Amino acid sequence: MLKKKLKIAIFHLAFIYSGGGERLVLEEAKGLKEKGHSVEIFTSVLDKRACFPDTIGGFNIRTFLPDIPFIFDGHESFKIVMSCILAPLFAIKFRKFDVILAANQPSLWIAWVAKRLFSIPYVSYLAQPTRFLYMRKIDKKTGLFFSKKASDSFTAMVMHKAKRFIYWADKISIKSSNVVLANGDYIKAVLEKTYSIKAISCPAGAYPTSKVSDYRLRLRGKIAIGPSEITKPYLLLTNRHFSQKRFEYAVFALVALLGKYPNYSLVVAGKETDYTNEVKRLVARLDLTSKVKFLGYVKEKELNILYSNAAVYLYTAPEEDFGMGVIEAMAKGTPVVAWNNAGPTGIVRNGIDGLLAKPFETSDFSQKVLRIASNNRFAQKVAQAGLESVKKRFTYEKHLKTLEGQLKSVGISS
């Protein structure tokens, strides 16, 4: 008789920031466990103070290697590289699992080693091609987070010296996957073109509200988020604080909006980084300090309150592969403005359940925000359509159904 419940190992790059990729892995682990599967998470770097500190303690997460004191500068990258190099030595610990879910590189490489040595099948989940090897225009312009942080480190030297090997390892570990899942239709097409593979679209999910409230309620009153009091109406921005996200577009949209609606403000959630300071300096130069509020890390419950009360959600990242914030905002009935480029084009139907601006025209982005702010009836219509779209296409229930089905097809037949 075939086993219906699986022992699943989930591999993830690192838990060092409260971002969409980390949130998705935790939701997958929680959902699979609720379905009766045994789930353990493994990673190269774990910092419980930096990654969803209010919830991550409830998950069984272990590092591939012992958590030794950091010696090298750029230590996060160093631990990731060492996990890759030493994978043949610790792969034996995964023999007890039926299947591995490998979320982005180098998880796939480590899963490939385990498969080669112990015949453990693995399902790959990719949100993007490996960025170190296939950089977007925005990455070339701003630099990658890990490479910038460790640009002069031993780690960076090793990675660049071994680039030919990394190309091979990346390609072989993706092509050797039992199944490749992609985070949405847009990135599915990118992956298939980049690696000459067939992938299955399995977009991330959200938890939709039951119904959309009267949009006018988003334009008056106040809400409390931790120690901060926020006066409505406000624009909301929730991306990682990395330069690739281009927060300045939101600042410029606010400037345009204030000319006609001076009661608006911009609320920015998320753990602050060096890039946050750059944005704050821009805000100060434009004399907008009183109009832009930086909240820092926001707990999940409070984040939902922010989504549910925002007048407009701004997604400023110009080359994003998917857009977790987009579907999370739509799930709470919040009108979204994003670029008509990359990931959001696979989520938002322009003019129907959100607005997409011409890449990368600041004036058009601002006009899209003004269109929502100046027409409550249109905003209500877009909000309702956005919620219905998420219910139909982007729920965690739908995501987990696809994910569990693929894990079972691989894990049970092995």
Protein backbone atom coordinates (compact mmCIF):
# COMPACT_ATOMS: atom_id res chain seq x y z
CA MET A 1 0.00 0.00 0.00
CA LEU A 2 1.41 3.41 -0.96
CA LYS A 3 2.30 5.88 1.76
CA LYS A 4 0.00 8.90 1.79
CA LYS A 5 2.03 10.95 4.26
CA LEU A 6 5.59 12.00 3.58
CA LYS A 7 8.76 12.87 5.42
CA ILE A 8 9.73 16.14 3.74
CA ALA A 9 12.95 18.13 4.06
CA ILE A 10 12.70 21.74 2.91
CA PHE A 11 15.93 23.51 1.92
CA HIS A 12 16.13 27.31 1.81
CA LEU A 13 19.06 29.64 1.14
CA ALA A 14 18.97 31.67 4.37
CA PHE A 15 16.64 33.10 6.97
CA ILE A 16 18.17 36.53 7.53
CA TYR A 17 15.38 38.88 6.46
CA SER A 18 11.59 39.03 6.75
CA GLY A 19 10.84 38.81 3.04
CA GLY A 20 8.43 37.14 0.66
CA GLY A 21 10.68 34.16 -0.07
CA GLU A 22 11.10 33.37 3.61
CA ARG A 23 7.39 33.87 4.25
CA LEU A 24 6.50 31.44 1.47
CA VAL A 25 8.79 28.69 2.79
CA LEU A 26 7.32 29.03 6.28
CA GLU A 27 3.77 28.94 4.90
CA GLU A 28 4.62 25.84 2.88
CA ALA A 29 6.06 24.11 5.94
CA LYS A 30 3.02 25.01 8.02
CA GLY A 31 0.55 23.95 5.34
CA LEU A 32 2.24 20.63 4.60
CA LYS A 33 2.43 19.83 8.30
CA GLU A 34 -1.28 20.61 8.71
CA LYS A 35 -1.93 18.07 5.95
CA GLY A 36 -0.26 15.43 8.08
CA HIS A 37 3.23 15.34 6.60
CA SER A 38 6.41 15.36 8.67
CA VAL A 39 8.35 18.51 7.77
CA GLU A 40 11.80 19.79 8.71
CA ILE A 41 13.48 22.93 7.35
CA PHE A 42 17.23 23.21 6.67
CA THR A 43 19.19 26.32 5.78
CA SER A 44 22.71 27.71 5.51
CA VAL A 45 22.10 30.72 7.75
CA LEU A 46 19.48 31.24 10.44
CA ASP A 47 18.99 34.50 12.33
CA LYS A 48 15.78 34.33 14.34
CA ARG A 49 16.11 37.95 15.38
CA ALA A 50 16.17 39.18 11.77
CA CYS A 51 13.63 36.89 10.08
CA PHE A 52 10.03 37.06 11.29
CA PRO A 53 11.10 37.12 14.96
CA ASP A 54 7.50 36.92 16.20
CA THR A 55 6.71 33.64 14.37
CA ILE A 56 9.87 31.79 13.30
CA GLY A 57 10.31 30.19 16.73
CA GLY A 58 7.36 27.94 15.99
CA PHE A 59 9.18 26.17 13.14
CA ASN A 60 11.67 23.32 13.20
CA ILE A 61 14.63 24.90 11.37
CA ARG A 62 18.21 23.65 11.45
CA THR A 63 21.38 24.80 9.73
CA PHE A 64 23.26 22.48 7.40
CA LEU A 65 26.47 23.09 9.33
CA PRO A 66 27.07 23.69 13.05
CA ASP A 67 26.41 27.31 13.99
CA ILE A 68 30.04 28.23 14.65
CA PRO A 69 31.23 31.80 15.41
CA PHE A 70 31.66 33.92 12.30
CA ILE A 71 35.29 34.46 11.35
CA PHE A 72 35.29 35.91 7.85
CA ASP A 73 33.81 39.23 6.80
CA GLY A 74 30.72 38.69 4.70
CA HIS A 75 30.04 35.70 6.97
CA GLU A 76 26.53 34.97 5.63
CA SER A 77 27.87 34.35 2.13
CA PHE A 78 30.74 32.33 3.59
CA LYS A 79 28.38 29.96 5.41
CA ILE A 80 26.37 29.48 2.23
CA VAL A 81 29.48 28.68 0.21
CA MET A 82 30.74 26.27 2.87
CA SER A 83 27.36 24.51 2.90
CA CYS A 84 27.76 23.93 -0.83
CA ILE A 85 31.34 22.68 -0.56
CA LEU A 86 30.67 20.36 2.37
CA ALA A 87 27.31 19.02 1.11
CA PRO A 88 28.73 15.52 0.38
CA LEU A 89 29.75 15.23 4.03
CA PHE A 90 26.39 16.04 5.61
CA ALA A 91 24.03 14.70 2.91
CA ILE A 92 23.73 11.44 4.84
CA LYS A 93 21.42 13.15 7.34
CA PHE A 94 18.70 13.34 4.66
CA ARG A 95 18.46 9.57 4.04
CA LYS A 96 15.38 9.33 6.27
CA PHE A 97 13.32 11.68 4.09
CA ASP A 98 11.00 10.63 1.27
CA VAL A 99 11.51 13.82 -0.71
CA ILE A 100 13.31 17.16 -0.60
CA LEU A 101 11.70 20.48 -1.49
CA ALA A 102 14.58 22.69 -2.65
CA ALA A 103 13.69 26.38 -2.65
CA ASN A 104 16.11 28.29 -4.90
CA GLN A 105 19.88 27.87 -5.14
CA PRO A 106 22.02 26.61 -3.54
CA SER A 107 19.27 24.39 -2.15
CA LEU A 108 19.04 22.58 -5.47
CA TRP A 109 22.77 21.85 -5.51
CA ILE A 110 22.64 20.35 -2.02
CA ALA A 111 19.55 18.34 -2.97
CA TRP A 112 21.36 17.11 -6.10
CA VAL A 113 24.24 15.86 -3.96
CA ALA A 114 21.78 14.02 -1.69
CA LYS A 115 20.10 12.47 -4.71
CA ARG A 116 23.39 11.36 -6.25
CA LEU A 117 24.65 9.79 -3.03
CA PHE A 118 21.45 8.40 -1.53
CA SER A 119 18.82 8.44 -4.32
CA ILE A 120 16.59 10.96 -2.54
CA PRO A 121 14.26 12.64 -5.05
CA TYR A 122 13.74 16.38 -4.99
CA VAL A 123 11.25 18.94 -6.19
CA SER A 124 12.74 22.33 -7.05
CA TYR A 125 10.87 25.56 -6.38
CA LEU A 126 12.34 28.53 -8.21
CA ALA A 127 11.38 32.17 -7.94
CA GLN A 128 14.13 33.23 -10.36
CA PRO A 129 17.19 32.04 -12.27
CA THR A 130 20.31 32.06 -10.10
CA ARG A 131 20.98 35.79 -9.75
CA PHE A 132 24.75 35.49 -9.37
CA LEU A 133 24.83 33.98 -12.86
CA TYR A 134 21.87 35.62 -14.58
CA MET A 135 21.69 39.20 -13.39
CA ARG A 136 18.85 41.52 -14.38
CA LYS A 137 19.54 45.07 -15.56
CA ILE A 138 18.62 46.38 -12.12
CA ASP A 139 21.05 43.95 -10.45
CA LYS A 140 23.90 45.10 -12.69
CA LYS A 141 23.07 48.70 -11.86
CA THR A 142 22.66 48.37 -8.08
CA GLY A 143 24.60 45.19 -7.25
CA LEU A 144 23.31 42.10 -5.49
CA PHE A 145 22.79 42.14 -1.73
CA PHE A 146 25.21 39.32 -0.92
CA SER A 147 27.87 40.34 -3.43
CA LYS A 148 27.84 43.97 -2.29
CA LYS A 149 28.07 42.99 1.35
CA ALA A 150 31.01 40.69 0.73
CA SER A 151 32.55 42.36 -2.31
CA ASP A 152 36.07 42.31 -0.85
CA SER A 153 35.73 39.05 1.05
CA PHE A 154 37.25 35.62 0.69
CA THR A 155 33.77 34.37 -0.23
CA ALA A 156 33.43 36.68 -3.22
CA MET A 157 36.87 35.67 -4.45
CA VAL A 158 35.97 31.97 -4.28
CA MET A 159 32.66 32.49 -6.07
CA HIS A 160 34.21 34.41 -8.94
CA LYS A 161 37.13 31.99 -9.30
CA ALA A 162 34.68 29.09 -9.41
CA LYS A 163 32.13 30.73 -11.72
CA ARG A 164 32.49 28.12 -14.48
CA PHE A 165 31.88 25.33 -11.98
CA ILE A 166 28.91 27.23 -10.52
CA TYR A 167 27.38 27.50 -13.99
CA TRP A 168 27.67 23.74 -14.36
CA ALA A 169 26.38 23.01 -10.86
CA ASP A 170 23.43 25.35 -11.30
CA LYS A 171 22.43 23.81 -14.62
CA ILE A 172 22.86 20.16 -13.62
CA SER A 173 21.00 20.54 -10.32
CA ILE A 174 18.04 22.20 -12.02
CA LYS A 175 17.87 19.76 -14.92
CA SER A 176 18.20 16.79 -12.53
CA SER A 177 15.18 17.87 -10.47
CA ASN A 178 12.35 15.36 -10.49
CA VAL A 179 10.01 18.33 -10.90
CA VAL A 180 10.63 22.07 -11.30
CA LEU A 181 7.97 24.40 -9.90
CA ALA A 182 8.00 28.09 -10.78
CA ASN A 183 6.61 31.02 -8.81
CA GLY A 184 4.04 32.09 -11.38
CA ASP A 185 3.59 32.18 -15.14
CA TYR A 186 6.10 34.96 -15.81
CA ILE A 187 9.03 33.29 -14.11
CA LYS A 188 8.00 29.90 -15.55
CA ALA A 189 8.62 31.30 -19.03
CA VAL A 190 11.93 32.85 -17.94
CA LEU A 191 13.16 29.59 -16.39
CA GLU A 192 12.15 27.50 -19.39
CA LYS A 193 14.02 29.82 -21.73
CA THR A 194 17.09 30.15 -19.49
CA TYR A 195 17.56 26.46 -18.69
CA SER A 196 15.75 24.70 -21.58
CA ILE A 197 13.46 22.86 -19.16
CA LYS A 198 9.76 22.32 -18.58
CA ALA A 199 8.40 23.89 -15.40
CA ILE A 200 5.03 23.92 -13.66
CA SER A 201 3.52 27.20 -12.53
CA CYS A 202 2.86 27.22 -8.79
CA PRO A 203 2.47 30.87 -7.77
CA ALA A 204 2.74 31.99 -4.18
CA GLY A 205 -0.45 32.56 -2.24
CA ALA A 206 -2.19 34.94 0.11
CA TYR A 207 -5.05 34.86 2.59
CA PRO A 208 -7.95 36.81 1.04
CA THR A 209 -10.43 38.71 3.17
CA SER A 210 -14.07 37.69 2.91
CA LYS A 211 -15.27 40.91 1.32
CA VAL A 212 -14.17 44.40 0.34
CA SER A 213 -15.28 47.17 2.68
CA ASP A 214 -16.40 50.62 1.55
CA TYR A 215 -13.34 52.25 0.00
CA ARG A 216 -14.21 55.57 1.64
CA LEU A 217 -13.35 54.08 5.03
CA ARG A 218 -9.72 54.04 3.87
CA LEU A 219 -9.76 57.82 3.56
CA ARG A 220 -10.58 58.82 7.13
CA GLY A 221 -9.63 57.92 10.68
CA LYS A 222 -6.47 56.58 12.27
CA ILE A 223 -4.86 53.22 12.95
CA ALA A 224 -2.28 52.17 15.53
CA ILE A 225 0.72 50.08 14.42
CA GLY A 226 2.88 49.32 17.45
CA PRO A 227 3.81 52.67 19.01
CA SER A 228 2.98 54.55 15.80
CA GLU A 229 -0.29 56.24 15.00
CA ILE A 230 -1.06 56.55 11.30
CA THR A 231 -3.59 58.99 9.89
CA LYS A 232 -5.49 57.93 6.77
CA PRO A 233 -5.34 58.21 3.81
CA TYR A 234 -1.92 56.77 3.08
CA LEU A 235 0.03 55.04 0.35
CA LEU A 236 1.69 51.78 1.41
CA LEU A 237 5.06 50.28 0.49
CA THR A 238 6.22 46.94 1.98
CA ASN A 239 9.14 45.62 -0.11
CA ARG A 240 12.53 44.54 1.20
CA HIS A 241 14.69 47.59 1.78
CA PHE A 242 17.12 46.82 -1.06
CA SER A 243 18.14 49.23 -3.80
CA GLN A 244 16.68 46.93 -6.48
CA LYS A 245 13.22 47.85 -5.17
CA ARG A 246 13.56 51.55 -6.15
CA PHE A 247 11.55 53.16 -3.33
CA GLU A 248 12.24 56.58 -4.86
CA TYR A 249 9.40 55.94 -7.32
CA ALA A 250 6.99 55.91 -4.36
CA VAL A 251 8.45 59.14 -3.01
CA PHE A 252 8.01 60.84 -6.37
CA ALA A 253 4.43 59.54 -6.62
CA LEU A 254 3.72 61.06 -3.21
CA VAL A 255 5.08 64.42 -4.37
CA ALA A 256 2.71 64.38 -7.36
CA LEU A 257 -0.24 63.33 -5.20
CA LEU A 258 0.32 66.00 -2.54
CA GLY A 259 -0.15 68.72 -5.14
CA LYS A 260 -3.82 67.76 -5.39
CA TYR A 261 -4.44 65.82 -2.16
CA PRO A 262 -2.27 67.30 0.62
CA ASN A 263 -3.73 65.02 3.31
CA TYR A 264 -2.00 61.89 1.96
CA SER A 265 1.17 60.33 3.38
CA LEU A 266 3.46 57.44 2.55
CA VAL A 267 3.93 54.52 4.96
CA VAL A 268 6.98 52.27 4.52
CA ALA A 269 7.11 48.95 6.36
CA GLY A 270 10.06 46.56 6.63
CA LYS A 271 13.37 46.11 8.39
CA GLU A 272 15.66 49.02 7.68
CA THR A 273 18.97 48.67 5.83
CA ASP A 274 21.65 50.98 4.46
CA TYR A 275 19.35 51.59 1.51
CA THR A 276 16.67 52.92 3.88
CA ASN A 277 19.05 55.70 4.85
CA GLU A 278 19.43 56.65 1.19
CA VAL A 279 15.66 56.92 0.87
CA LYS A 280 15.43 58.96 4.07
CA ARG A 281 17.99 61.41 2.70
CA LEU A 282 15.87 61.81 -0.44
CA VAL A 283 12.78 62.39 1.70
CA ALA A 284 14.61 65.05 3.70
CA ARG A 285 15.87 66.84 0.56
CA LEU A 286 12.29 67.01 -0.71
CA ASP A 287 11.09 68.33 2.68
CA LEU A 288 8.75 65.36 3.12
CA THR A 289 9.89 64.09 6.51
CA SER A 290 6.49 64.77 8.08
CA LYS A 291 4.75 62.96 5.21
CA VAL A 292 6.75 59.70 5.12
CA LYS A 293 6.66 57.28 8.01
CA PHE A 294 9.17 54.41 8.31
CA LEU A 295 7.78 51.72 10.59
CA GLY A 296 10.60 49.16 10.57
CA TYR A 297 9.69 45.49 10.93
CA VAL A 298 5.95 45.01 11.30
CA LYS A 299 4.36 41.88 12.75
CA GLU A 300 2.04 39.84 10.56
CA LYS A 301 -1.16 40.95 12.30
CA GLU A 302 -0.19 44.60 12.01
CA LEU A 303 0.86 44.17 8.39
CA ASN A 304 -2.64 42.93 7.59
CA ILE A 305 -4.07 46.03 9.27
CA LEU A 306 -1.82 48.20 7.10
CA TYR A 307 -2.94 46.43 3.92
CA SER A 308 -6.60 46.61 4.90
CA ASN A 309 -6.55 50.38 5.49
CA ALA A 310 -4.23 51.64 2.74
CA ALA A 311 -5.69 53.84 0.01
CA VAL A 312 -3.21 52.55 -2.59
CA TYR A 313 -0.48 49.92 -2.50
CA LEU A 314 2.67 50.83 -4.43
CA TYR A 315 4.88 48.17 -5.96
CA THR A 316 7.91 50.06 -7.18
CA ALA A 317 10.36 47.23 -7.99
CA PRO A 318 11.02 47.53 -11.75
CA GLU A 319 12.10 43.96 -12.55
CA GLU A 320 10.49 41.82 -9.88
CA ASP A 321 10.08 38.13 -10.70
CA PHE A 322 6.68 37.81 -9.00
CA GLY A 323 5.36 40.24 -6.40
CA MET A 324 4.19 38.83 -3.06
CA GLY A 325 3.20 42.30 -1.88
CA VAL A 326 0.94 42.71 -4.91
CA ILE A 327 -1.20 39.65 -4.15
CA GLU A 328 -1.17 40.33 -0.41
CA ALA A 329 -2.54 43.84 -1.02
CA MET A 330 -5.13 42.63 -3.51
CA ALA A 331 -6.16 39.95 -1.00
CA LYS A 332 -7.12 42.72 1.43
CA GLY A 333 -9.06 44.69 -1.16
CA THR A 334 -6.37 47.33 -1.70
CA PRO A 335 -5.90 48.89 -5.17
CA VAL A 336 -2.40 48.25 -6.55
CA VAL A 337 -0.14 50.31 -8.80
CA ALA A 338 2.89 48.50 -10.26
CA TRP A 339 4.99 48.55 -13.43
CA ASN A 340 3.82 46.94 -16.65
CA ASN A 341 6.92 44.77 -16.60
CA ALA A 342 8.10 41.40 -15.32
CA GLY A 343 6.26 39.60 -12.49
CA PRO A 344 3.29 41.94 -11.91
CA THR A 345 2.20 41.45 -15.54
CA GLY A 346 1.33 37.87 -14.61
CA ILE A 347 -0.79 39.04 -11.68
CA VAL A 348 -2.45 42.35 -12.49
CA ARG A 349 -4.89 42.90 -15.37
CA ASN A 350 -4.31 46.55 -16.13
CA GLY A 351 -7.35 48.72 -15.50
CA ILE A 352 -9.37 45.79 -14.16
CA ASP A 353 -7.91 44.53 -10.86
CA GLY A 354 -5.01 46.98 -10.60
CA LEU A 355 -3.04 49.52 -12.61
CA LEU A 356 0.25 49.00 -14.46
CA ALA A 357 2.40 52.00 -15.37
CA LYS A 358 4.60 52.38 -18.45
CA PRO A 359 8.13 51.19 -17.63
CA PHE A 360 9.74 53.24 -16.14
CA GLU A 361 7.99 56.55 -16.52
CA THR A 362 7.72 58.23 -13.13
CA SER A 363 4.99 60.54 -14.41
CA ASP A 364 2.80 57.65 -15.57
CA PHE A 365 3.29 55.80 -12.29
CA SER A 366 2.20 58.95 -10.45
CA GLN A 367 -0.79 59.40 -12.77
CA LYS A 368 -1.94 55.86 -12.03
CA VAL A 369 -1.86 56.65 -8.30
CA LEU A 370 -3.80 59.88 -8.93
CA ARG A 371 -6.41 58.00 -10.93
CA ILE A 372 -7.24 55.83 -7.94
CA ALA A 373 -7.07 58.66 -5.41
CA SER A 374 -9.39 60.88 -7.46
CA ASN A 375 -12.16 58.35 -8.14
CA ASN A 376 -13.59 56.42 -5.19
CA ARG A 377 -15.99 54.45 -7.38
CA PHE A 378 -13.17 53.28 -9.65
CA ALA A 379 -11.01 52.44 -6.63
CA GLN A 380 -13.84 50.34 -5.18
CA LYS A 381 -14.28 48.50 -8.48
CA VAL A 382 -10.56 47.75 -8.78
CA ALA A 383 -10.38 46.61 -5.14
CA GLN A 384 -13.27 44.20 -5.62
CA ALA A 385 -11.81 42.76 -8.81
CA GLY A 386 -8.43 42.38 -7.14
CA LEU A 387 -9.89 40.38 -4.28
CA GLU A 388 -11.82 38.12 -6.63
CA SER A 389 -8.67 37.54 -8.70
CA VAL A 390 -6.70 36.44 -5.63
CA LYS A 391 -9.50 34.12 -4.52
CA LYS A 392 -9.48 32.48 -7.92
CA ARG A 393 -5.75 32.35 -8.67
CA PHE A 394 -3.49 33.13 -5.70
CA THR A 395 -4.56 31.45 -2.46
CA TYR A 396 -2.29 29.36 -0.25
CA GLU A 397 -4.85 26.59 -0.55
CA LYS A 398 -4.32 26.49 -4.31
CA HIS A 399 -0.55 26.78 -3.93
CA LEU A 400 -0.39 23.92 -1.43
CA LYS A 401 -2.63 21.70 -3.54
CA THR A 402 -0.19 21.93 -6.45
CA LEU A 403 2.87 21.65 -4.22
CA GLU A 404 1.61 18.65 -2.25
CA GLY A 405 0.52 16.89 -5.43
CA GLN A 406 3.98 17.19 -6.96
CA LEU A 407 5.75 16.15 -3.75
CA LYS A 408 3.51 13.08 -3.49
CA SER A 409 4.04 12.15 -7.13
CA VAL A 410 7.79 12.16 -6.52
CA GLY A 411 8.05 11.00 -2.91
CA ILE A 412 5.59 8.11 -3.04
CA SER A 413 6.84 6.67 -6.32
CA SER A 414 10.49 6.70 -5.25
